């Protein structure tokens, strides 16, 4: 009887070990398959312009509409690549400087990228699309099961817009001092990012060991801050930030991300052209607007509200002229 029980326990342990071994083997196989897919360089389609005919819309093909230089579109592009969906989600590039009329009329009335055509519907908003791709397509999950990490992920996603705004703040700033570049200072944003990288000790990414949806949300803006601050302000974002240094190093090992990096020189040329006159045109108006806005916080005067409203229109007119 004792021998029989021992044999049953041994069989049970062996069976459990075999199942775990098979499960681990399956994960390794899936990882190798994804790696093999990502190692084949994707031939990117040329951007469609005003003279380009539309694709065969709503024919059952899943399409991701992007602009290669756009950081928001880059988020969805990275998610698609990381989940190994290059063959299931077709990339369609739009030239935002000469965008086709049919894109607004027949695809996405908001006329911006990214957008996703899937099951005869078109959806937009970059973070919503990343979550949609994660929930509706196969591939590695973009969020961990750990509840503490999920909670921290929500905190980081809530701050992501402010981090992204720090890019525009410094581009519109005057001089080389980026510590006082407007409402969202790049220095403050980057210091907060460095602190966030220290939350979990099991890996180099924002949620620890694994690259996640949160990294996808931030990466396009980290990339541009690194490039633009270095070239335009001679500021190295990695100096004094060892976690960020390791983070960028690990990012550049992920082919799903590196395949989405647009030509740095072209990016710099575009951004310089867009913002070269911005500080001298927008600066005084922005200061005026912020002055009256601060007064509003302590006063309910109708004059203050009117002045801040006029300044906001003045600022908007500057952007439109540019």
C-alpha atoms as a PDB file:
ATOM      1  CA  UNK A   1       0.000   0.000   0.000  1.00  0.00           C
ATOM      2  CA  UNK A   2       2.848   2.339   0.934  1.00  0.00           C
ATOM      3  CA  UNK A   3       4.680   1.442  -2.264  1.00  0.00           C
ATOM      4  CA  UNK A   4       1.555   2.112  -4.348  1.00  0.00           C
ATOM      5  CA  UNK A   5       1.068   5.554  -2.763  1.00  0.00           C
ATOM      6  CA  UNK A   6       4.717   6.394  -3.356  1.00  0.00           C
ATOM      7  CA  UNK A   7       4.391   5.374  -6.991  1.00  0.00           C
ATOM      8  CA  UNK A   8       1.248   7.516  -7.391  1.00  0.00           C
ATOM      9  CA  UNK A   9       2.996  10.535  -5.843  1.00  0.00           C
ATOM     10  CA  UNK A  10       6.021   9.994  -8.079  1.00  0.00           C
ATOM     11  CA  UNK A  11       3.765   9.721 -11.135  1.00  0.00           C
ATOM     12  CA  UNK A  12       1.904  12.896 -10.091  1.00  0.00           C
ATOM     13  CA  UNK A  13       5.124  14.864  -9.583  1.00  0.00           C
ATOM     14  CA  UNK A  14       6.507  13.592 -12.900  1.00  0.00           C
ATOM     15  CA  UNK A  15       3.262  14.523 -14.671  1.00  0.00           C
ATOM     16  CA  UNK A  16       3.299  18.029 -13.179  1.00  0.00           C
ATOM     17  CA  UNK A  17       6.919  18.539 -14.158  1.00  0.00           C
ATOM     18  CA  UNK A  18       6.169  17.350 -17.684  1.00  0.00           C
ATOM     19  CA  UNK A  19       3.278  19.823 -18.018  1.00  0.00           C
ATOM     20  CA  UNK A  20       5.434  22.695 -16.782  1.00  0.00           C
ATOM     21  CA  UNK A  21       8.204  21.639 -19.161  1.00  0.00           C
ATOM     22  CA  UNK A  22       5.770  21.539 -22.090  1.00  0.00           C
ATOM     23  CA  UNK A  23       4.313  24.942 -21.144  1.00  0.00           C
ATOM     24  CA  UNK A  24       7.786  26.487 -20.898  1.00  0.00           C
ATOM     25  CA  UNK A  25       8.750  24.874 -24.193  1.00  0.00           C
ATOM     26  CA  UNK A  26       5.645  26.281 -25.863  1.00  0.00           C
ATOM     27  CA  UNK A  27       6.456  29.783 -24.583  1.00  0.00           C
ATOM     28  CA  UNK A  28      10.011  29.508 -25.887  1.00  0.00           C
ATOM     29  CA  UNK A  29       8.707  28.313 -29.249  1.00  0.00           C
ATOM     30  CA  UNK A  30       6.274  31.252 -29.489  1.00  0.00           C
ATOM     31  CA  UNK A  31       9.044  33.670 -28.516  1.00  0.00           C
ATOM     32  CA  UNK A  32      11.371  32.216 -31.168  1.00  0.00           C
ATOM     33  CA  UNK A  33       8.620  32.441 -33.779  1.00  0.00           C
ATOM     34  CA  UNK A  34       8.037  36.129 -32.929  1.00  0.00           C
ATOM     35  CA  UNK A  35      11.772  36.784 -33.036  1.00  0.00           C
ATOM     36  CA  UNK A  36      12.019  35.071 -36.421  1.00  0.00           C
ATOM     37  CA  UNK A  37       9.148  37.207 -37.764  1.00  0.00           C
ATOM     38  CA  UNK A  38      10.648  40.433 -36.458  1.00  0.00           C
ATOM     39  CA  UNK A  39      14.073  39.581 -37.901  1.00  0.00           C
ATOM     40  CA  UNK A  40      12.629  39.820 -41.418  1.00  0.00           C
ATOM     41  CA  UNK A  41      12.755  43.519 -42.281  1.00  0.00           C
ATOM     42  CA  UNK A  42       9.364  44.796 -43.338  1.00  0.00           C
ATOM     43  CA  UNK A  43       9.193  46.715 -46.599  1.00  0.00           C
ATOM     44  CA  UNK A  44       7.340  49.900 -45.701  1.00  0.00           C
ATOM     45  CA  UNK A  45       4.706  51.146 -48.150  1.00  0.00           C
ATOM     46  CA  UNK A  46       5.170  54.681 -49.522  1.00  0.00           C
ATOM     47  CA  UNK A  47       2.979  57.387 -47.921  1.00  0.00           C
ATOM     48  CA  UNK A  48      -0.279  58.045 -49.737  1.00  0.00           C
ATOM     49  CA  UNK A  49      -0.843  61.595 -50.945  1.00  0.00           C
ATOM     50  CA  UNK A  50      -3.723  63.674 -52.293  1.00  0.00           C
ATOM     51  CA  UNK A  51      -3.340  62.038 -55.710  1.00  0.00           C
ATOM     52  CA  UNK A  52      -3.216  58.452 -54.378  1.00  0.00           C
ATOM     53  CA  UNK A  53      -6.292  56.265 -54.837  1.00  0.00           C
ATOM     54  CA  UNK A  54      -7.780  54.706 -51.701  1.00  0.00           C
ATOM     55  CA  UNK A  55      -7.247  51.031 -50.865  1.00  0.00           C
ATOM     56  CA  UNK A  56     -10.185  48.633 -51.173  1.00  0.00           C
ATOM     57  CA  UNK A  57     -11.865  49.894 -48.023  1.00  0.00           C
ATOM     58  CA  UNK A  58     -13.893  47.625 -45.747  1.00  0.00           C
ATOM     59  CA  UNK A  59     -13.047  44.480 -47.677  1.00  0.00           C
ATOM     60  CA  UNK A  60     -12.170  42.471 -44.565  1.00  0.00           C
ATOM     61  CA  UNK A  61      -8.548  43.601 -44.463  1.00  0.00           C
ATOM     62  CA  UNK A  62      -7.366  45.037 -41.151  1.00  0.00           C
ATOM     63  CA  UNK A  63      -5.472  48.270 -41.784  1.00  0.00           C
ATOM     64  CA  UNK A  64      -3.485  50.521 -39.481  1.00  0.00           C
ATOM     65  CA  UNK A  65      -3.288  54.087 -40.846  1.00  0.00           C
ATOM     66  CA  UNK A  66      -0.163  55.901 -39.691  1.00  0.00           C
ATOM     67  CA  UNK A  67       2.237  58.691 -40.537  1.00  0.00           C
ATOM     68  CA  UNK A  68       5.833  57.537 -40.162  1.00  0.00           C
ATOM     69  CA  UNK A  69       7.100  60.673 -38.333  1.00  0.00           C
ATOM     70  CA  UNK A  70       4.077  60.872 -35.961  1.00  0.00           C
ATOM     71  CA  UNK A  71       4.796  59.802 -32.338  1.00  0.00           C
ATOM     72  CA  UNK A  72       1.153  58.947 -31.648  1.00  0.00           C
ATOM     73  CA  UNK A  73       0.951  56.706 -34.707  1.00  0.00           C
ATOM     74  CA  UNK A  74       4.273  55.168 -33.695  1.00  0.00           C
ATOM     75  CA  UNK A  75       2.660  53.831 -30.517  1.00  0.00           C
ATOM     76  CA  UNK A  76       0.225  51.663 -32.462  1.00  0.00           C
ATOM     77  CA  UNK A  77       2.905  50.645 -34.937  1.00  0.00           C
ATOM     78  CA  UNK A  78       5.130  49.379 -32.107  1.00  0.00           C
ATOM     79  CA  UNK A  79       2.228  47.445 -30.548  1.00  0.00           C
ATOM     80  CA  UNK A  80       1.440  45.791 -33.879  1.00  0.00           C
ATOM     81  CA  UNK A  81       5.071  44.779 -34.361  1.00  0.00           C
ATOM     82  CA  UNK A  82       5.631  43.585 -30.794  1.00  0.00           C
ATOM     83  CA  UNK A  83       2.630  41.263 -30.971  1.00  0.00           C
ATOM     84  CA  UNK A  84       3.891  39.875 -34.284  1.00  0.00           C
ATOM     85  CA  UNK A  85       0.916  41.097 -36.317  1.00  0.00           C
ATOM     86  CA  UNK A  86       2.758  42.337 -39.397  1.00  0.00           C
ATOM     87  CA  UNK A  87       0.891  39.852 -41.600  1.00  0.00           C
ATOM     88  CA  UNK A  88      -2.522  40.385 -39.961  1.00  0.00           C
ATOM     89  CA  UNK A  89      -2.573  44.188 -39.744  1.00  0.00           C
ATOM     90  CA  UNK A  90      -1.607  45.968 -42.954  1.00  0.00           C
ATOM     91  CA  UNK A  91       0.274  49.235 -42.571  1.00  0.00           C
ATOM     92  CA  UNK A  92      -1.075  52.186 -44.580  1.00  0.00           C
ATOM     93  CA  UNK A  93       1.028  55.360 -44.466  1.00  0.00           C
ATOM     94  CA  UNK A  94      -0.574  58.786 -44.930  1.00  0.00           C
ATOM     95  CA  UNK A  95       1.327  61.931 -45.921  1.00  0.00           C
ATOM     96  CA  UNK A  96      -0.075  64.458 -43.424  1.00  0.00           C
ATOM     97  CA  UNK A  97       1.360  67.357 -45.410  1.00  0.00           C
ATOM     98  CA  UNK A  98      -0.548  66.279 -48.516  1.00  0.00           C
ATOM     99  CA  UNK A  99      -3.197  63.965 -47.139  1.00  0.00           C
ATOM    100  CA  UNK A 100      -5.787  62.437 -49.482  1.00  0.00           C
ATOM    101  CA  UNK A 101      -9.348  63.748 -49.230  1.00  0.00           C
ATOM    102  CA  UNK A 102     -10.761  60.214 -49.179  1.00  0.00           C
ATOM    103  CA  UNK A 103      -9.118  59.558 -45.809  1.00  0.00           C
ATOM    104  CA  UNK A 104     -11.403  62.070 -44.088  1.00  0.00           C
ATOM    105  CA  UNK A 105     -14.428  61.383 -46.265  1.00  0.00           C
ATOM    106  CA  UNK A 106     -14.369  57.577 -46.260  1.00  0.00           C
ATOM    107  CA  UNK A 107     -12.076  56.354 -43.484  1.00  0.00           C
ATOM    108  CA  UNK A 108     -11.734  58.608 -40.440  1.00  0.00           C
ATOM    109  CA  UNK A 109     -13.703  61.903 -40.254  1.00  0.00           C
ATOM    110  CA  UNK A 110     -11.329  63.300 -37.600  1.00  0.00           C
ATOM    111  CA  UNK A 111      -8.687  63.262 -40.375  1.00  0.00           C
ATOM    112  CA  UNK A 112      -5.793  62.397 -38.038  1.00  0.00           C
ATOM    113  CA  UNK A 113      -3.626  59.357 -37.456  1.00  0.00           C
ATOM    114  CA  UNK A 114      -3.496  56.739 -36.155  1.00  0.00           C
ATOM    115  CA  UNK A 115      -6.689  54.916 -36.979  1.00  0.00           C
ATOM    116  CA  UNK A 116      -7.500  51.227 -37.269  1.00  0.00           C
ATOM    117  CA  UNK A 117      -9.846  49.670 -39.812  1.00  0.00           C
ATOM    118  CA  UNK A 118     -11.052  46.364 -38.340  1.00  0.00           C
ATOM    119  CA  UNK A 119     -14.256  44.380 -38.858  1.00  0.00           C
ATOM    120  CA  UNK A 120     -15.823  47.125 -40.989  1.00  0.00           C
ATOM    121  CA  UNK A 121     -15.278  49.752 -38.303  1.00  0.00           C
ATOM    122  CA  UNK A 122     -12.659  52.478 -37.877  1.00  0.00           C
ATOM    123  CA  UNK A 123     -11.349  53.418 -34.451  1.00  0.00           C
ATOM    124  CA  UNK A 124      -8.915  56.120 -33.340  1.00  0.00           C
ATOM    125  CA  UNK A 125      -6.910  57.561 -30.412  1.00  0.00           C
ATOM    126  CA  UNK A 126      -3.458  56.042 -30.040  1.00  0.00           C
ATOM    127  CA  UNK A 127      -3.633  54.637 -26.485  1.00  0.00           C
ATOM    128  CA  UNK A 128      -7.145  53.288 -27.056  1.00  0.00           C
ATOM    129  CA  UNK A 129      -5.880  51.559 -30.192  1.00  0.00           C
ATOM    130  CA  UNK A 130      -2.879  50.022 -28.407  1.00  0.00           C
ATOM    131  CA  UNK A 131      -5.258  48.568 -25.796  1.00  0.00           C
ATOM    132  CA  UNK A 132      -7.633  47.409 -28.545  1.00  0.00           C
ATOM    133  CA  UNK A 133      -4.835  45.641 -30.430  1.00  0.00           C
ATOM    134  CA  UNK A 134      -3.703  43.997 -27.203  1.00  0.00           C
ATOM    135  CA  UNK A 135      -7.213  42.742 -26.344  1.00  0.00           C
ATOM    136  CA  UNK A 136      -8.407  41.668 -29.798  1.00  0.00           C
ATOM    137  CA  UNK A 137      -5.351  40.085 -31.387  1.00  0.00           C
ATOM    138  CA  UNK A 138      -3.009  37.230 -30.537  1.00  0.00           C
ATOM    139  CA  UNK A 139       0.529  37.737 -29.308  1.00  0.00           C
ATOM    140  CA  UNK A 140       2.252  38.461 -25.998  1.00  0.00           C
ATOM    141  CA  UNK A 141       0.106  40.471 -23.544  1.00  0.00           C
ATOM    142  CA  UNK A 142       1.136  44.079 -23.142  1.00  0.00           C
ATOM    143  CA  UNK A 143       0.263  44.266 -19.433  1.00  0.00           C
ATOM    144  CA  UNK A 144       1.427  41.974 -16.606  1.00  0.00           C
ATOM    145  CA  UNK A 145      -0.872  39.989 -14.286  1.00  0.00           C
ATOM    146  CA  UNK A 146       0.704  41.581 -11.197  1.00  0.00           C
ATOM    147  CA  UNK A 147      -1.894  43.873  -9.567  1.00  0.00           C
ATOM    148  CA  UNK A 148       0.718  46.282  -8.164  1.00  0.00           C
ATOM    149  CA  UNK A 149       2.178  46.733 -11.637  1.00  0.00           C
ATOM    150  CA  UNK A 150      -1.260  47.195 -13.168  1.00  0.00           C
ATOM    151  CA  UNK A 151      -2.033  49.937 -10.639  1.00  0.00           C
ATOM    152  CA  UNK A 152       1.263  51.687 -11.350  1.00  0.00           C
ATOM    153  CA  UNK A 153       0.581  51.340 -15.078  1.00  0.00           C
ATOM    154  CA  UNK A 154      -2.624  53.366 -14.659  1.00  0.00           C
ATOM    155  CA  UNK A 155      -0.705  56.082 -12.786  1.00  0.00           C
ATOM    156  CA  UNK A 156       1.896  56.303 -15.535  1.00  0.00           C
ATOM    157  CA  UNK A 157      -0.696  56.376 -18.308  1.00  0.00           C
ATOM    158  CA  UNK A 158      -2.480  59.229 -16.511  1.00  0.00           C
ATOM    159  CA  UNK A 159       0.771  61.240 -16.541  1.00  0.00           C
ATOM    160  CA  UNK A 160       1.666  60.377 -20.128  1.00  0.00           C
ATOM    161  CA  UNK A 161      -0.035  63.425 -21.678  1.00  0.00           C
ATOM    162  CA  UNK A 162       1.971  65.762 -19.446  1.00  0.00           C
ATOM    163  CA  UNK A 163       5.180  63.979 -20.420  1.00  0.00           C
ATOM    164  CA  UNK A 164       4.288  64.333 -24.105  1.00  0.00           C
ATOM    165  CA  UNK A 165       3.535  68.047 -23.635  1.00  0.00           C
ATOM    166  CA  UNK A 166       7.057  68.580 -22.291  1.00  0.00           C
ATOM    167  CA  UNK A 167       8.269  67.986 -25.860  1.00  0.00           C
ATOM    168  CA  UNK A 168       6.272  70.939 -27.190  1.00  0.00           C
ATOM    169  CA  UNK A 169       7.193  73.046 -24.151  1.00  0.00           C
ATOM    170  CA  UNK A 170      10.887  72.892 -24.876  1.00  0.00           C
ATOM    171  CA  UNK A 171      10.414  73.294 -28.644  1.00  0.00           C
ATOM    172  CA  UNK A 172       8.560  76.539 -27.988  1.00  0.00           C
ATOM    173  CA  UNK A 173      11.017  77.693 -25.319  1.00  0.00           C
ATOM    174  CA  UNK A 174      13.488  80.538 -25.810  1.00  0.00           C
ATOM    175  CA  UNK A 175      17.231  80.083 -25.313  1.00  0.00           C
ATOM    176  CA  UNK A 176      19.055  77.044 -23.975  1.00  0.00           C
ATOM    177  CA  UNK A 177      17.463  76.897 -20.522  1.00  0.00           C
ATOM    178  CA  UNK A 178      15.005  74.002 -20.626  1.00  0.00           C
ATOM    179  CA  UNK A 179      14.351  73.967 -16.871  1.00  0.00           C
ATOM    180  CA  UNK A 180      11.866  76.805 -17.367  1.00  0.00           C
ATOM    181  CA  UNK A 181      10.342  75.795 -20.684  1.00  0.00           C
ATOM    182  CA  UNK A 182       6.724  76.464 -19.886  1.00  0.00           C
ATOM    183  CA  UNK A 183       3.939  74.639 -18.121  1.00  0.00           C
ATOM    184  CA  UNK A 184       5.648  71.223 -18.403  1.00  0.00           C
ATOM    185  CA  UNK A 185       9.424  71.337 -18.055  1.00  0.00           C
ATOM    186  CA  UNK A 186      11.322  68.520 -19.821  1.00  0.00           C
ATOM    187  CA  UNK A 187      13.718  68.346 -16.850  1.00  0.00           C
ATOM    188  CA  UNK A 188      10.865  67.722 -14.408  1.00  0.00           C
ATOM    189  CA  UNK A 189       9.267  65.193 -16.783  1.00  0.00           C
ATOM    190  CA  UNK A 190      12.536  63.301 -17.301  1.00  0.00           C
ATOM    191  CA  UNK A 191      13.338  63.275 -13.571  1.00  0.00           C
ATOM    192  CA  UNK A 192       9.905  61.807 -12.878  1.00  0.00           C
ATOM    193  CA  UNK A 193      10.526  59.212 -15.584  1.00  0.00           C
ATOM    194  CA  UNK A 194      13.872  58.270 -13.987  1.00  0.00           C
ATOM    195  CA  UNK A 195      12.129  57.889 -10.634  1.00  0.00           C
ATOM    196  CA  UNK A 196       9.435  55.697 -12.208  1.00  0.00           C
ATOM    197  CA  UNK A 197      12.080  53.354 -13.599  1.00  0.00           C
ATOM    198  CA  UNK A 198      13.163  52.655 -10.008  1.00  0.00           C
ATOM    199  CA  UNK A 199       9.747  51.442  -8.829  1.00  0.00           C
ATOM    200  CA  UNK A 200      10.363  47.758  -9.606  1.00  0.00           C
ATOM    201  CA  UNK A 201      13.722  46.067  -9.268  1.00  0.00           C
ATOM    202  CA  UNK A 202      13.187  43.140 -11.621  1.00  0.00           C
ATOM    203  CA  UNK A 203      14.046  44.773 -14.924  1.00  0.00           C
ATOM    204  CA  UNK A 204      14.929  47.809 -16.988  1.00  0.00           C
ATOM    205  CA  UNK A 205      11.441  48.814 -18.147  1.00  0.00           C
ATOM    206  CA  UNK A 206       8.716  50.887 -16.504  1.00  0.00           C
ATOM    207  CA  UNK A 207       6.904  47.821 -15.178  1.00  0.00           C
ATOM    208  CA  UNK A 208      10.028  45.781 -14.524  1.00  0.00           C
ATOM    209  CA  UNK A 209      11.318  42.884 -16.585  1.00  0.00           C
ATOM    210  CA  UNK A 210       8.972  42.982 -19.579  1.00  0.00           C
ATOM    211  CA  UNK A 211       8.381  45.645 -22.218  1.00  0.00           C
ATOM    212  CA  UNK A 212       4.759  46.747 -21.827  1.00  0.00           C
ATOM    213  CA  UNK A 213       1.915  48.951 -22.991  1.00  0.00           C
ATOM    214  CA  UNK A 214       3.198  51.704 -20.694  1.00  0.00           C
ATOM    215  CA  UNK A 215       6.593  51.700 -22.406  1.00  0.00           C
ATOM    216  CA  UNK A 216       4.846  51.877 -25.770  1.00  0.00           C
ATOM    217  CA  UNK A 217       2.969  54.978 -24.575  1.00  0.00           C
ATOM    218  CA  UNK A 218       6.174  56.797 -23.554  1.00  0.00           C
ATOM    219  CA  UNK A 219       8.832  55.544 -25.975  1.00  0.00           C
ATOM    220  CA  UNK A 220       8.045  57.827 -28.967  1.00  0.00           C
ATOM    221  CA  UNK A 221       8.421  60.896 -26.743  1.00  0.00           C
ATOM    222  CA  UNK A 222      11.552  59.641 -24.961  1.00  0.00           C
ATOM    223  CA  UNK A 223      13.036  59.063 -28.416  1.00  0.00           C
ATOM    224  CA  UNK A 224      12.236  62.592 -29.589  1.00  0.00           C
ATOM    225  CA  UNK A 225      13.347  64.287 -26.373  1.00  0.00           C
ATOM    226  CA  UNK A 226      16.651  62.426 -26.652  1.00  0.00           C
ATOM    227  CA  UNK A 227      17.144  63.487 -30.270  1.00  0.00           C
ATOM    228  CA  UNK A 228      15.796  67.045 -30.190  1.00  0.00           C
ATOM    229  CA  UNK A 229      17.280  68.123 -26.854  1.00  0.00           C
ATOM    230  CA  UNK A 230      20.696  66.834 -27.878  1.00  0.00           C
ATOM    231  CA  UNK A 231      20.680  68.613 -31.227  1.00  0.00           C
ATOM    232  CA  UNK A 232      18.727  71.796 -30.488  1.00  0.00           C
ATOM    233  CA  UNK A 233      19.698  72.487 -26.865  1.00  0.00           C
ATOM    234  CA  UNK A 234      22.928  70.463 -26.497  1.00  0.00           C
ATOM    235  CA  UNK A 235      21.346  68.703 -23.525  1.00  0.00           C
ATOM    236  CA  UNK A 236      22.001  65.010 -22.842  1.00  0.00           C
ATOM    237  CA  UNK A 237      18.912  63.513 -21.199  1.00  0.00           C
ATOM    238  CA  UNK A 238      20.861  60.467 -19.968  1.00  0.00           C
ATOM    239  CA  UNK A 239      23.421  62.496 -17.978  1.00  0.00           C
ATOM    240  CA  UNK A 240      22.804  61.895 -14.278  1.00  0.00           C
ATOM    241  CA  UNK A 241      19.994  59.447 -15.085  1.00  0.00           C
ATOM    242  CA  UNK A 242      21.498  55.917 -15.010  1.00  0.00           C
ATOM    243  CA  UNK A 243      18.115  54.167 -15.156  1.00  0.00           C
ATOM    244  CA  UNK A 244      17.154  56.086 -18.282  1.00  0.00           C
ATOM    245  CA  UNK A 245      20.539  55.254 -19.827  1.00  0.00           C
ATOM    246  CA  UNK A 246      19.912  51.519 -19.315  1.00  0.00           C
ATOM    247  CA  UNK A 247      16.330  51.928 -20.481  1.00  0.00           C
ATOM    248  CA  UNK A 248      17.337  53.426 -23.835  1.00  0.00           C
ATOM    249  CA  UNK A 249      20.016  50.762 -24.269  1.00  0.00           C
ATOM    250  CA  UNK A 250      17.461  47.971 -23.754  1.00  0.00           C
ATOM    251  CA  UNK A 251      14.914  49.688 -26.014  1.00  0.00           C
ATOM    252  CA  UNK A 252      17.358  49.597 -28.883  1.00  0.00           C
ATOM    253  CA  UNK A 253      17.473  45.796 -28.609  1.00  0.00           C
ATOM    254  CA  UNK A 254      13.748  45.514 -29.367  1.00  0.00           C
ATOM    255  CA  UNK A 255      13.266  45.159 -33.115  1.00  0.00           C
ATOM    256  CA  UNK A 256       9.543  45.849 -32.850  1.00  0.00           C
ATOM    257  CA  UNK A 257      10.527  49.356 -31.725  1.00  0.00           C
ATOM    258  CA  UNK A 258      13.689  50.030 -33.760  1.00  0.00           C
ATOM    259  CA  UNK A 259      11.784  49.213 -36.974  1.00  0.00           C
ATOM    260  CA  UNK A 260       9.560  52.244 -36.279  1.00  0.00           C
ATOM    261  CA  UNK A 261      12.332  54.818 -35.793  1.00  0.00           C
ATOM    262  CA  UNK A 262      12.063  57.452 -38.508  1.00  0.00           C
ATOM    263  CA  UNK A 263      15.100  59.061 -40.128  1.00  0.00           C
ATOM    264  CA  UNK A 264      16.567  61.286 -37.345  1.00  0.00           C
ATOM    265  CA  UNK A 265      17.914  63.904 -39.763  1.00  0.00           C
ATOM    266  CA  UNK A 266      14.570  64.192 -41.526  1.00  0.00           C
ATOM    267  CA  UNK A 267      12.819  64.508 -38.163  1.00  0.00           C
ATOM    268  CA  UNK A 268      15.183  67.296 -37.139  1.00  0.00           C
ATOM    269  CA  UNK A 269      14.699  69.118 -40.427  1.00  0.00           C
ATOM    270  CA  UNK A 270      10.911  68.985 -40.087  1.00  0.00           C
ATOM    271  CA  UNK A 271      10.881  70.111 -36.474  1.00  0.00           C
ATOM    272  CA  UNK A 272      13.287  72.990 -37.105  1.00  0.00           C
ATOM    273  CA  UNK A 273      11.172  74.186 -39.991  1.00  0.00           C
ATOM    274  CA  UNK A 274       8.008  74.028 -37.899  1.00  0.00           C
ATOM    275  CA  UNK A 275       9.327  75.766 -34.794  1.00  0.00           C
ATOM    276  CA  UNK A 276      12.106  78.039 -36.063  1.00  0.00           C
ATOM    277  CA  UNK A 277       9.975  81.187 -35.648  1.00  0.00           C
ATOM    278  CA  UNK A 278       7.873  79.931 -32.768  1.00  0.00           C
ATOM    279  CA  UNK A 279       9.684  81.498 -29.754  1.00  0.00           C
ATOM    280  CA  UNK A 280       9.627  85.067 -31.054  1.00  0.00           C
ATOM    281  CA  UNK A 281       6.007  84.846 -32.280  1.00  0.00           C
ATOM    282  CA  UNK A 282       4.354  82.783 -29.580  1.00  0.00           C
ATOM    283  CA  UNK A 283       6.493  83.606 -26.531  1.00  0.00           C
ATOM    284  CA  UNK A 284       4.981  86.997 -25.521  1.00  0.00           C
ATOM    285  CA  UNK A 285       1.452  85.794 -26.150  1.00  0.00           C
ATOM    286  CA  UNK A 286       1.945  82.681 -24.056  1.00  0.00           C
ATOM    287  CA  UNK A 287       3.346  84.753 -21.181  1.00  0.00           C
ATOM    288  CA  UNK A 288       0.373  87.081 -21.406  1.00  0.00           C
ATOM    289  CA  UNK A 289      -2.047  84.160 -21.371  1.00  0.00           C
ATOM    290  CA  UNK A 290      -0.330  82.508 -18.366  1.00  0.00           C
ATOM    291  CA  UNK A 291      -0.323  85.804 -16.460  1.00  0.00           C
ATOM    292  CA  UNK A 292      -4.080  86.241 -16.730  1.00  0.00           C
ATOM    293  CA  UNK A 293      -4.648  82.547 -16.142  1.00  0.00           C
ATOM    294  CA  UNK A 294      -2.812  82.789 -12.814  1.00  0.00           C
ATOM    295  CA  UNK A 295      -4.921  85.786 -11.849  1.00  0.00           C
ATOM    296  CA  UNK A 296      -8.019  83.743 -12.562  1.00  0.00           C
ATOM    297  CA  UNK A 297      -7.031  81.176  -9.948  1.00  0.00           C
ATOM    298  CA  UNK A 298      -7.424  83.802  -7.242  1.00  0.00           C
ATOM    299  CA  UNK A 299     -10.070  85.997  -8.786  1.00  0.00           C
ATOM    300  CA  UNK A 300     -13.510  85.603 -10.346  1.00  0.00           C
ATOM    301  CA  UNK A 301     -13.300  88.900 -12.169  1.00  0.00           C
ATOM    302  CA  UNK A 302     -15.064  88.858 -15.535  1.00  0.00           C
ATOM    303  CA  UNK A 303     -12.259  91.052 -16.922  1.00  0.00           C
ATOM    304  CA  UNK A 304      -9.667  88.375 -16.085  1.00  0.00           C
ATOM    305  CA  UNK A 305     -11.698  85.655 -17.744  1.00  0.00           C
ATOM    306  CA  UNK A 306     -12.151  87.819 -20.832  1.00  0.00           C
ATOM    307  CA  UNK A 307      -8.446  88.689 -21.010  1.00  0.00           C
ATOM    308  CA  UNK A 308      -7.340  85.045 -20.738  1.00  0.00           C
ATOM    309  CA  UNK A 309      -9.905  84.059 -23.378  1.00  0.00           C
ATOM    310  CA  UNK A 310      -8.624  86.724 -25.796  1.00  0.00           C
ATOM    311  CA  UNK A 311      -5.031  85.599 -25.216  1.00  0.00           C
ATOM    312  CA  UNK A 312      -5.966  81.975 -25.921  1.00  0.00           C
ATOM    313  CA  UNK A 313      -7.483  83.021 -29.267  1.00  0.00           C
ATOM    314  CA  UNK A 314      -4.353  85.089 -29.972  1.00  0.00           C
ATOM    315  CA  UNK A 315      -2.172  82.029 -29.313  1.00  0.00           C
ATOM    316  CA  UNK A 316      -4.332  79.840 -31.528  1.00  0.00           C
ATOM    317  CA  UNK A 317      -4.041  82.347 -34.374  1.00  0.00           C
ATOM    318  CA  UNK A 318      -0.236  82.172 -34.080  1.00  0.00           C
ATOM    319  CA  UNK A 319      -0.272  78.409 -34.495  1.00  0.00           C
ATOM    320  CA  UNK A 320      -2.612  78.593 -37.485  1.00  0.00           C
ATOM    321  CA  UNK A 321      -0.355  81.082 -39.258  1.00  0.00           C
ATOM    322  CA  UNK A 322       2.630  78.815 -38.763  1.00  0.00           C
END
